[in-house]
PDB file of N, CA and C in Angstrom:
ATOM      1  N   MET A   1       0.841  -1.180   0.000  1.00  0.00           N
ATOM      2  CA  MET A   1       0.000   0.000   0.000  1.00  0.00           C
ATOM      3  C   MET A   1       0.889   1.247   0.000  1.00  0.00           C
ATOM      4  N   VAL A   2       0.518   2.216  -0.793  1.00  0.00           N
ATOM      5  CA  VAL A   2       1.260   3.470  -0.888  1.00  0.00           C
ATOM      6  C   VAL A   2       0.428   4.569  -0.240  1.00  0.00           C
ATOM      7  N   GLU A   3       1.027   5.244   0.722  1.00  0.00           N
ATOM      8  CA  GLU A   3       0.369   6.367   1.376  1.00  0.00           C
ATOM      9  C   GLU A   3       0.991   7.655   0.836  1.00  0.00           C
ATOM     10  N   GLU A   4       0.161   8.661   0.575  1.00  0.00           N
ATOM     11  CA  GLU A   4       0.653   9.935   0.058  1.00  0.00           C
ATOM     12  C   GLU A   4       0.227  11.051   0.993  1.00  0.00           C
ATOM     13  N   ILE A   5       1.186  11.922   1.337  1.00  0.00           N
ATOM     14  CA  ILE A   5       0.878  13.085   2.158  1.00  0.00           C
ATOM     15  C   ILE A   5       1.630  14.301   1.623  1.00  0.00           C
ATOM     16  N   ARG A   6       1.166  15.489   2.027  1.00  0.00           N
ATOM     17  CA  ARG A   6       1.816  16.737   1.643  1.00  0.00           C
ATOM     18  C   ARG A   6       2.291  17.438   2.906  1.00  0.00           C
ATOM     19  N   MET A   7       3.462  18.063   2.819  1.00  0.00           N
ATOM     20  CA  MET A   7       3.977  18.822   3.962  1.00  0.00           C
ATOM     21  C   MET A   7       5.004  19.842   3.485  1.00  0.00           C
ATOM     22  N   PRO A   8       5.246  20.864   4.303  1.00  0.00           N
ATOM     23  CA  PRO A   8       6.279  21.851   3.976  1.00  0.00           C
ATOM     24  C   PRO A   8       7.668  21.203   3.990  1.00  0.00           C
ATOM     25  N   VAL A   9       8.596  21.819   3.301  1.00  0.00           N
ATOM     26  CA  VAL A   9       9.927  21.238   3.137  1.00  0.00           C
ATOM     27  C   VAL A   9      10.639  21.017   4.468  1.00  0.00           C
ATOM     28  N   ASN A  10      10.498  21.935   5.404  1.00  0.00           N
ATOM     29  CA  ASN A  10      11.188  21.765   6.694  1.00  0.00           C
ATOM     30  C   ASN A  10      10.646  20.563   7.462  1.00  0.00           C
ATOM     31  N   GLU A  11       9.343  20.329   7.392  1.00  0.00           N
ATOM     32  CA  GLU A  11       8.758  19.150   8.029  1.00  0.00           C
ATOM     33  C   GLU A  11       9.203  17.876   7.313  1.00  0.00           C
ATOM     34  N   ALA A  12       9.340  17.934   5.991  1.00  0.00           N
ATOM     35  CA  ALA A  12       9.790  16.770   5.223  1.00  0.00           C
ATOM     36  C   ALA A  12      11.223  16.404   5.594  1.00  0.00           C
ATOM     37  N   ILE A  13      12.086  17.391   5.751  1.00  0.00           N
ATOM     38  CA  ILE A  13      13.462  17.123   6.162  1.00  0.00           C
ATOM     39  C   ILE A  13      13.480  16.559   7.578  1.00  0.00           C
ATOM     40  N   GLU A  14      12.621  17.073   8.427  1.00  0.00           N
ATOM     41  CA  GLU A  14      12.509  16.544   9.794  1.00  0.00           C
ATOM     42  C   GLU A  14      12.029  15.088   9.758  1.00  0.00           C
ATOM     43  N   TYR A  15      11.117  14.778   8.835  1.00  0.00           N
ATOM     44  CA  TYR A  15      10.666  13.391   8.676  1.00  0.00           C
ATOM     45  C   TYR A  15      11.856  12.487   8.327  1.00  0.00           C
ATOM     46  N   ILE A  16      12.685  12.935   7.394  1.00  0.00           N
ATOM     47  CA  ILE A  16      13.859  12.145   7.003  1.00  0.00           C
ATOM     48  C   ILE A  16      14.774  11.938   8.209  1.00  0.00           C
ATOM     49  N   ARG A  17      15.016  13.003   8.957  1.00  0.00           N
ATOM     50  CA  ARG A  17      15.892  12.925  10.124  1.00  0.00           C
ATOM     51  C   ARG A  17      15.376  11.896  11.143  1.00  0.00           C
ATOM     52  N   ASN A  18      14.074  11.861  11.357  1.00  0.00           N
ATOM     53  CA  ASN A  18      13.505  11.026  12.417  1.00  0.00           C
ATOM     54  C   ASN A  18      13.079   9.629  11.980  1.00  0.00           C
ATOM     55  N   ASN A  19      12.845   9.408  10.678  1.00  0.00           N
ATOM     56  CA  ASN A  19      12.241   8.138  10.252  1.00  0.00           C
ATOM     57  C   ASN A  19      13.051   7.309   9.270  1.00  0.00           C
ATOM     58  N   VAL A  20      13.923   7.932   8.501  1.00  0.00           N
ATOM     59  CA  VAL A  20      14.695   7.191   7.506  1.00  0.00           C
ATOM     60  C   VAL A  20      15.920   6.591   8.189  1.00  0.00           C
ATOM     61  N   GLN A  21      16.160   5.316   7.899  1.00  0.00           N
ATOM     62  CA  GLN A  21      17.285   4.613   8.499  1.00  0.00           C
ATOM     63  C   GLN A  21      18.158   3.995   7.411  1.00  0.00           C
ATOM     64  N   ILE A  22      19.357   3.615   7.818  1.00  0.00           N
ATOM     65  CA  ILE A  22      20.274   2.947   6.895  1.00  0.00           C
ATOM     66  C   ILE A  22      19.607   1.686   6.373  1.00  0.00           C
ATOM     67  N   ARG A  23      19.773   1.428   5.070  1.00  0.00           N
ATOM     68  CA  ARG A  23      19.226   0.303   4.317  1.00  0.00           C
ATOM     69  C   ARG A  23      17.795   0.522   3.828  1.00  0.00           C
ATOM     70  N   ASP A  24      17.160   1.652   4.212  1.00  0.00           N
ATOM     71  CA  ASP A  24      15.861   1.997   3.640  1.00  0.00           C
ATOM     72  C   ASP A  24      16.082   2.441   2.198  1.00  0.00           C
ATOM     73  N   ILE A  25      15.011   2.449   1.428  1.00  0.00           N
ATOM     74  CA  ILE A  25      15.064   2.979   0.063  1.00  0.00           C
ATOM     75  C   ILE A  25      14.468   4.380   0.086  1.00  0.00           C
ATOM     76  N   LEU A  26      15.183   5.321  -0.514  1.00  0.00           N
ATOM     77  CA  LEU A  26      14.734   6.700  -0.609  1.00  0.00           C
ATOM     78  C   LEU A  26      14.830   7.117  -2.066  1.00  0.00           C
ATOM     79  N   GLU A  27      13.701   7.570  -2.619  1.00  0.00           N
ATOM     80  CA  GLU A  27      13.668   8.036  -4.007  1.00  0.00           C
ATOM     81  C   GLU A  27      13.372   9.528  -3.981  1.00  0.00           C
ATOM     82  N   LEU A  28      14.350  10.329  -4.326  1.00  0.00           N
ATOM     83  CA  LEU A  28      14.229  11.785  -4.275  1.00  0.00           C
ATOM     84  C   LEU A  28      13.955  12.371  -5.651  1.00  0.00           C
ATOM     85  N   SER A  29      13.043  13.336  -5.701  1.00  0.00           N
ATOM     86  CA  SER A  29      12.809  14.124  -6.915  1.00  0.00           C
ATOM     87  C   SER A  29      13.038  15.583  -6.553  1.00  0.00           C
ATOM     88  N   TYR A  30      14.064  16.170  -7.165  1.00  0.00           N
ATOM     89  CA  TYR A  30      14.332  17.579  -6.938  1.00  0.00           C
ATOM     90  C   TYR A  30      14.877  18.178  -8.219  1.00  0.00           C
ATOM     91  N   ASN A  31      14.474  19.451  -8.448  1.00  0.00           N
ATOM     92  CA  ASN A  31      14.824  20.135  -9.685  1.00  0.00           C
ATOM     93  C   ASN A  31      14.470  19.221 -10.854  1.00  0.00           C
ATOM     94  N   ARG A  32      15.390  18.800 -11.663  1.00  0.00           N
ATOM     95  CA  ARG A  32      15.123  17.868 -12.768  1.00  0.00           C
ATOM     96  C   ARG A  32      15.811  16.533 -12.514  1.00  0.00           C
ATOM     97  N   ILE A  33      16.060  16.231 -11.268  1.00  0.00           N
ATOM     98  CA  ILE A  33      16.805  15.029 -10.910  1.00  0.00           C
ATOM     99  C   ILE A  33      15.904  14.034 -10.197  1.00  0.00           C
ATOM    100  N   PHE A  34      16.038  12.767 -10.562  1.00  0.00           N
ATOM    101  CA  PHE A  34      15.383  11.669  -9.855  1.00  0.00           C
ATOM    102  C   PHE A  34      16.489  10.768  -9.350  1.00  0.00           C
ATOM    103  N   ALA A  35      16.598  10.620  -8.046  1.00  0.00           N
ATOM    104  CA  ALA A  35      17.690   9.852  -7.448  1.00  0.00           C
ATOM    105  C   ALA A  35      17.129   8.759  -6.535  1.00  0.00           C
ATOM    106  N   PRO A  36      16.942   7.550  -7.068  1.00  0.00           N
ATOM    107  CA  PRO A  36      16.487   6.451  -6.221  1.00  0.00           C
ATOM    108  C   PRO A  36      17.677   5.655  -5.707  1.00  0.00           C
ATOM    109  N   GLY A  37      17.632   5.266  -4.438  1.00  0.00           N
ATOM    110  CA  GLY A  37      18.745   4.476  -3.939  1.00  0.00           C
ATOM    111  C   GLY A  37      18.551   3.994  -2.524  1.00  0.00           C
ATOM    112  N   GLU A  38      19.485   3.150  -2.114  1.00  0.00           N
ATOM    113  CA  GLU A  38      19.498   2.616  -0.758  1.00  0.00           C
ATOM    114  C   GLU A  38      20.306   3.553   0.129  1.00  0.00           C
ATOM    115  N   VAL A  39      19.771   3.863   1.301  1.00  0.00           N
ATOM    116  CA  VAL A  39      20.438   4.756   2.242  1.00  0.00           C
ATOM    117  C   VAL A  39      21.638   4.034   2.853  1.00  0.00           C
ATOM    118  N   LEU A  40      22.822   4.624   2.678  1.00  0.00           N
ATOM    119  CA  LEU A  40      24.045   4.068   3.242  1.00  0.00           C
ATOM    120  C   LEU A  40      24.447   4.747   4.546  1.00  0.00           C
ATOM    121  N   ASN A  41      24.123   6.043   4.660  1.00  0.00           N
ATOM    122  CA  ASN A  41      24.543   6.797   5.831  1.00  0.00           C
ATOM    123  C   ASN A  41      23.695   8.053   5.954  1.00  0.00           C
ATOM    124  N   ILE A  42      23.489   8.489   7.171  1.00  0.00           N
ATOM    125  CA  ILE A  42      22.785   9.741   7.450  1.00  0.00           C
ATOM    126  C   ILE A  42      23.700  10.560   8.353  1.00  0.00           C
ATOM    127  N   ILE A  43      23.993  11.783   7.919  1.00  0.00           N
ATOM    128  CA  ILE A  43      24.928  12.639   8.647  1.00  0.00           C
ATOM    129  C   ILE A  43      24.170  13.896   9.090  1.00  0.00           C
ATOM    130  N   GLU A  44      24.200  14.158  10.372  1.00  0.00           N
ATOM    131  CA  GLU A  44      23.499  15.321  10.929  1.00  0.00           C
ATOM    132  C   GLU A  44      24.142  16.628  10.454  1.00  0.00           C
ATOM    133  N   GLU A  45      23.437  17.725  10.679  1.00  0.00           N
ATOM    134  CA  GLU A  45      23.928  19.039  10.307  1.00  0.00           C
ATOM    135  C   GLU A  45      25.257  19.341  10.987  1.00  0.00           C
ATOM    136  N   ASP A  46      26.040  20.184  10.338  1.00  0.00           N
ATOM    137  CA  ASP A  46      27.326  20.612  10.882  1.00  0.00           C
ATOM    138  C   ASP A  46      27.322  22.133  10.899  1.00  0.00           C
ATOM    139  N   GLU A  47      27.179  22.707  12.094  1.00  0.00           N
ATOM    140  CA  GLU A  47      27.112  24.162  12.214  1.00  0.00           C
ATOM    141  C   GLU A  47      28.426  24.841  11.848  1.00  0.00           C
ATOM    142  N   MET A  48      29.533  24.146  12.036  1.00  0.00           N
ATOM    143  CA  MET A  48      30.847  24.725  11.711  1.00  0.00           C
ATOM    144  C   MET A  48      30.990  24.953  10.208  1.00  0.00           C
ATOM    145  N   THR A  49      30.544  23.989   9.393  1.00  0.00           N
ATOM    146  CA  THR A  49      30.700  24.104   7.941  1.00  0.00           C
ATOM    147  C   THR A  49      29.453  24.646   7.256  1.00  0.00           C
ATOM    148  N   GLY A  50      28.308  24.659   7.967  1.00  0.00           N
ATOM    149  CA  GLY A  50      27.060  25.127   7.369  1.00  0.00           C
ATOM    150  C   GLY A  50      26.345  24.062   6.554  1.00  0.00           C
ATOM    151  N   GLU A  51      26.858  22.833   6.590  1.00  0.00           N
ATOM    152  CA  GLU A  51      26.207  21.759   5.846  1.00  0.00           C
ATOM    153  C   GLU A  51      24.935  21.336   6.559  1.00  0.00           C
ATOM    154  N   GLY A  52      23.928  20.971   5.762  1.00  0.00           N
ATOM    155  CA  GLY A  52      22.664  20.520   6.321  1.00  0.00           C
ATOM    156  C   GLY A  52      22.647  19.019   6.516  1.00  0.00           C
ATOM    157  N   LEU A  53      21.471  18.490   6.808  1.00  0.00           N
ATOM    158  CA  LEU A  53      21.297  17.052   6.927  1.00  0.00           C
ATOM    159  C   LEU A  53      21.714  16.418   5.607  1.00  0.00           C
ATOM    160  N   ARG A  54      22.618  15.430   5.680  1.00  0.00           N
ATOM    161  CA  ARG A  54      23.120  14.784   4.473  1.00  0.00           C
ATOM    162  C   ARG A  54      22.811  13.300   4.504  1.00  0.00           C
ATOM    163  N   VAL A  55      22.412  12.780   3.340  1.00  0.00           N
ATOM    164  CA  VAL A  55      22.109  11.359   3.192  1.00  0.00           C
ATOM    165  C   VAL A  55      22.971  10.810   2.062  1.00  0.00           C
ATOM    166  N   SER A  56      23.665   9.719   2.337  1.00  0.00           N
ATOM    167  CA  SER A  56      24.444   9.028   1.303  1.00  0.00           C
ATOM    168  C   SER A  56      23.580   7.916   0.737  1.00  0.00           C
ATOM    169  N   LEU A  57      23.485   7.872  -0.601  1.00  0.00           N
ATOM    170  CA  LEU A  57      22.676   6.869  -1.288  1.00  0.00           C
ATOM    171  C   LEU A  57      23.529   6.053  -2.240  1.00  0.00           C
ATOM    172  N   GLN A  58      23.263   4.761  -2.305  1.00  0.00           N
ATOM    173  CA  GLN A  58      23.795   3.898  -3.361  1.00  0.00           C
ATOM    174  C   GLN A  58      22.717   3.887  -4.426  1.00  0.00           C
ATOM    175  N   LEU A  59      22.949   4.624  -5.506  1.00  0.00           N
ATOM    176  CA  LEU A  59      21.928   4.774  -6.541  1.00  0.00           C
ATOM    177  C   LEU A  59      21.611   3.449  -7.214  1.00  0.00           C
ATOM    178  N   ASN A  60      20.326   3.277  -7.539  1.00  0.00           N
ATOM    179  CA  ASN A  60      19.861   2.104  -8.287  1.00  0.00           C
ATOM    180  C   ASN A  60      19.819   2.476  -9.754  1.00  0.00           C
ATOM    181  N   GLY A  61      20.262   1.602 -10.607  1.00  0.00           N
ATOM    182  CA  GLY A  61      20.188   1.857 -12.035  1.00  0.00           C
ATOM    183  C   GLY A  61      21.008   0.869 -12.810  1.00  0.00           C
ATOM    184  N   GLU A  62      20.624   0.694 -14.078  1.00  0.00           N
ATOM    185  CA  GLU A  62      21.349  -0.233 -14.939  1.00  0.00           C
ATOM    186  C   GLU A  62      22.650   0.369 -15.442  1.00  0.00           C
ATOM    187  N   ILE A  63      22.629   1.648 -15.742  1.00  0.00           N
ATOM    188  CA  ILE A  63      23.818   2.310 -16.270  1.00  0.00           C
ATOM    189  C   ILE A  63      24.574   3.015 -15.150  1.00  0.00           C
ATOM    190  N   LEU A  64      23.837   3.724 -14.326  1.00  0.00           N
ATOM    191  CA  LEU A  64      24.436   4.521 -13.260  1.00  0.00           C
ATOM    192  C   LEU A  64      24.210   3.814 -11.931  1.00  0.00           C
ATOM    193  N   ASN A  65      25.273   3.380 -11.303  1.00  0.00           N
ATOM    194  CA  ASN A  65      25.181   2.698 -10.019  1.00  0.00           C
ATOM    195  C   ASN A  65      26.330   3.195  -9.162  1.00  0.00           C
ATOM    196  N   GLN A  66      26.139   4.350  -8.554  1.00  0.00           N
ATOM    197  CA  GLN A  66      27.210   4.955  -7.779  1.00  0.00           C
ATOM    198  C   GLN A  66      26.676   5.485  -6.461  1.00  0.00           C
ATOM    199  N   THR A  67      27.583   5.918  -5.617  1.00  0.00           N
ATOM    200  CA  THR A  67      27.220   6.492  -4.329  1.00  0.00           C
ATOM    201  C   THR A  67      27.255   8.009  -4.433  1.00  0.00           C
ATOM    202  N   VAL A  68      26.199   8.655  -3.911  1.00  0.00           N
ATOM    203  CA  VAL A  68      26.144  10.113  -3.881  1.00  0.00           C
ATOM    204  C   VAL A  68      25.766  10.560  -2.477  1.00  0.00           C
ATOM    205  N   GLU A  69      26.171  11.770  -2.134  1.00  0.00           N
ATOM    206  CA  GLU A  69      25.773  12.364  -0.870  1.00  0.00           C
ATOM    207  C   GLU A  69      24.930  13.590  -1.185  1.00  0.00           C
ATOM    208  N   ILE A  70      23.736  13.636  -0.610  1.00  0.00           N
ATOM    209  CA  ILE A  70      22.802  14.727  -0.876  1.00  0.00           C
ATOM    210  C   ILE A  70      22.660  15.564   0.385  1.00  0.00           C
ATOM    211  N   ASP A  71      22.923  16.856   0.252  1.00  0.00           N
ATOM    212  CA  ASP A  71      22.798  17.815   1.351  1.00  0.00           C
ATOM    213  C   ASP A  71      21.426  18.481   1.218  1.00  0.00           C
ATOM    214  N   PHE A  72      20.530  18.209   2.158  1.00  0.00           N
ATOM    215  CA  PHE A  72      19.172  18.737   2.072  1.00  0.00           C
ATOM    216  C   PHE A  72      19.123  20.239   2.249  1.00  0.00           C
ATOM    217  N   ASN A  73      20.119  20.839   2.859  1.00  0.00           N
ATOM    218  CA  ASN A  73      20.194  22.288   2.950  1.00  0.00           C
ATOM    219  C   ASN A  73      20.375  22.900   1.562  1.00  0.00           C
ATOM    220  N   GLU A  74      21.118  22.209   0.695  1.00  0.00           N
ATOM    221  CA  GLU A  74      21.374  22.705  -0.660  1.00  0.00           C
ATOM    222  C   GLU A  74      20.193  22.488  -1.607  1.00  0.00           C
ATOM    223  N   ILE A  75      19.418  21.425  -1.409  1.00  0.00           N
ATOM    224  CA  ILE A  75      18.355  21.114  -2.373  1.00  0.00           C
ATOM    225  C   ILE A  75      16.956  21.446  -1.878  1.00  0.00           C
ATOM    226  N   LYS A  76      16.814  21.953  -0.656  1.00  0.00           N
ATOM    227  CA  LYS A  76      15.479  22.108  -0.083  1.00  0.00           C
ATOM    228  C   LYS A  76      14.564  23.010  -0.914  1.00  0.00           C
ATOM    229  N   ASP A  77      15.096  24.012  -1.587  1.00  0.00           N
ATOM    230  CA  ASP A  77      14.259  24.880  -2.412  1.00  0.00           C
ATOM    231  C   ASP A  77      13.804  24.197  -3.698  1.00  0.00           C
ATOM    232  N   ASP A  78      14.501  23.137  -4.110  1.00  0.00           N
ATOM    233  CA  ASP A  78      14.178  22.422  -5.341  1.00  0.00           C
ATOM    234  C   ASP A  78      13.502  21.079  -5.101  1.00  0.00           C
ATOM    235  N   LEU A  79      13.360  20.685  -3.836  1.00  0.00           N
ATOM    236  CA  LEU A  79      12.773  19.383  -3.519  1.00  0.00           C
ATOM    237  C   LEU A  79      11.294  19.367  -3.914  1.00  0.00           C
ATOM    238  N   ILE A  80      10.923  18.388  -4.709  1.00  0.00           N
ATOM    239  CA  ILE A  80       9.547  18.249  -5.199  1.00  0.00           C
ATOM    240  C   ILE A  80       8.798  17.207  -4.377  1.00  0.00           C
ATOM    241  N   GLU A  81       9.385  16.026  -4.259  1.00  0.00           N
ATOM    242  CA  GLU A  81       8.793  14.951  -3.475  1.00  0.00           C
ATOM    243  C   GLU A  81       9.842  13.884  -3.219  1.00  0.00           C
ATOM    244  N   PHE A  82       9.528  12.987  -2.304  1.00  0.00           N
ATOM    245  CA  PHE A  82      10.353  11.806  -2.120  1.00  0.00           C
ATOM    246  C   PHE A  82       9.477  10.648  -1.688  1.00  0.00           C
ATOM    247  N   ARG A  83       9.991   9.466  -1.944  1.00  0.00           N
ATOM    248  CA  ARG A  83       9.319   8.215  -1.594  1.00  0.00           C
ATOM    249  C   ARG A  83      10.226   7.472  -0.621  1.00  0.00           C
ATOM    250  N   HIS A  84       9.652   7.083   0.505  1.00  0.00           N
ATOM    251  CA  HIS A  84      10.388   6.326   1.518  1.00  0.00           C
ATOM    252  C   HIS A  84       9.810   4.920   1.546  1.00  0.00           C
ATOM    253  N   ILE A  85      10.656   3.931   1.273  1.00  0.00           N
ATOM    254  CA  ILE A  85      10.229   2.538   1.242  1.00  0.00           C
ATOM    255  C   ILE A  85      10.963   1.789   2.348  1.00  0.00           C
ATOM    256  N   LYS A  86      10.167   1.173   3.226  1.00  0.00           N
ATOM    257  CA  LYS A  86      10.735   0.436   4.359  1.00  0.00           C
ATOM    258  C   LYS A  86       9.808  -0.718   4.708  1.00  0.00           C
ATOM    259  N   ASP A  87      10.372  -1.912   4.778  1.00  0.00           N
ATOM    260  CA  ASP A  87       9.613  -3.108   5.158  1.00  0.00           C
ATOM    261  C   ASP A  87       8.366  -3.299   4.296  1.00  0.00           C
ATOM    262  N   GLY A  88       8.485  -3.012   3.008  1.00  0.00           N
ATOM    263  CA  GLY A  88       7.381  -3.214   2.079  1.00  0.00           C
ATOM    264  C   GLY A  88       6.326  -2.119   2.085  1.00  0.00           C
ATOM    265  N   GLU A  89       6.461  -1.126   2.947  1.00  0.00           N
ATOM    266  CA  GLU A  89       5.514  -0.012   2.997  1.00  0.00           C
ATOM    267  C   GLU A  89       6.125   1.197   2.318  1.00  0.00           C
ATOM    268  N   GLU A  90       5.274   1.927   1.585  1.00  0.00           N
ATOM    269  CA  GLU A  90       5.744   3.096   0.841  1.00  0.00           C
ATOM    270  C   GLU A  90       4.999   4.332   1.298  1.00  0.00           C
ATOM    271  N   LEU A  91       5.750   5.400   1.514  1.00  0.00           N
ATOM    272  CA  LEU A  91       5.174   6.692   1.841  1.00  0.00           C
ATOM    273  C   LEU A  91       5.729   7.707   0.852  1.00  0.00           C
ATOM    274  N   VAL A  92       4.827   8.403   0.175  1.00  0.00           N
ATOM    275  CA  VAL A  92       5.220   9.460  -0.759  1.00  0.00           C
ATOM    276  C   VAL A  92       4.908  10.787  -0.096  1.00  0.00           C
ATOM    277  N   ILE A  93       5.922  11.624   0.025  1.00  0.00           N
ATOM    278  CA  ILE A  93       5.736  12.956   0.604  1.00  0.00           C
ATOM    279  C   ILE A  93       5.934  13.982  -0.490  1.00  0.00           C
ATOM    280  N   GLU A  94       4.857  14.734  -0.763  1.00  0.00           N
ATOM    281  CA  GLU A  94       4.912  15.815  -1.734  1.00  0.00           C
ATOM    282  C   GLU A  94       5.157  17.108  -0.967  1.00  0.00           C
ATOM    283  N   ILE A  95       6.038  17.937  -1.494  1.00  0.00           N
ATOM    284  CA  ILE A  95       6.396  19.187  -0.840  1.00  0.00           C
ATOM    285  C   ILE A  95       5.404  20.275  -1.241  1.00  0.00           C
ATOM    286  N   GLU A  96       4.897  20.989  -0.234  1.00  0.00           N
ATOM    287  CA  GLU A  96       3.954  22.083  -0.491  1.00  0.00           C
ATOM    288  C   GLU A  96       4.683  23.341  -0.897  1.00  0.00           C
TER     289      GLU A  96
END
């Protein structure tokens, strides 16, 4: 079953911080980018460097299969939606 909800970007980032865990699947849509992958690491904000919440993903794909780190502070204005898949349950969060 897929559940869909809408929330502001700051609440969506807070959802990621509190609910997404290593080995979950996270599919991000921001700007013109679609980045589906398995969560490898979650790194909290760093006030010294100004970096925001960062998630490392092992991207899924036939051609492109690499690891990327996404800083939510950098993409929050372009974040459209994301899908969180865990234990067979899917939640789609659309950004208001």
